[in-house]
C-alpha cells in the first residue's frame, strides 16, 4: 500500500517503518523491529526482504531468506509476526534473494541463492 517501508539491516534486524514519507529528518526508531540473523558472510549475497506485490488475503506480507538450519525461507505479516517457515529437502542452500510470484492467485514463494539455484514453494 506504500504506507510501510521495509529495511534489511546488517545489524541483524528487519525494520518496518510506517509513514516514513511523512517524517521529517532522520528516522531513528522503526515502528517494528524483528530480530533476524542477517550475517550471510563473505561468500553469500546479503538478504533482501521483499513485500508481496499486492495484499494477500487482505494482509500485507513479506518474505526473507534465513540462516536457520535446516534451511528456511520465512514469511512475515506486515506487523512483523512470523506467519510461516518454508523448509524441505529441496531447500539445500541459503536463499538470499526471495520474492513472491506476482500474477498467481495462490501464494507462491521463490527463493534463490548466489549460485543461481531457485526453489519454488506453493
Foldseek 3Di string as FASTA:
>chain_A
DPQWDWDDDQVQWIAIAGNPVPDPDDDDHHPDIDRANQPPDDPWDTADKDWQPDAQPNWIKIWIWHPDPVGWIWIATSRGHTDDIDDDPVCRDTQRYKYFDRPDNDTKIWGAIPVGDIDIDD
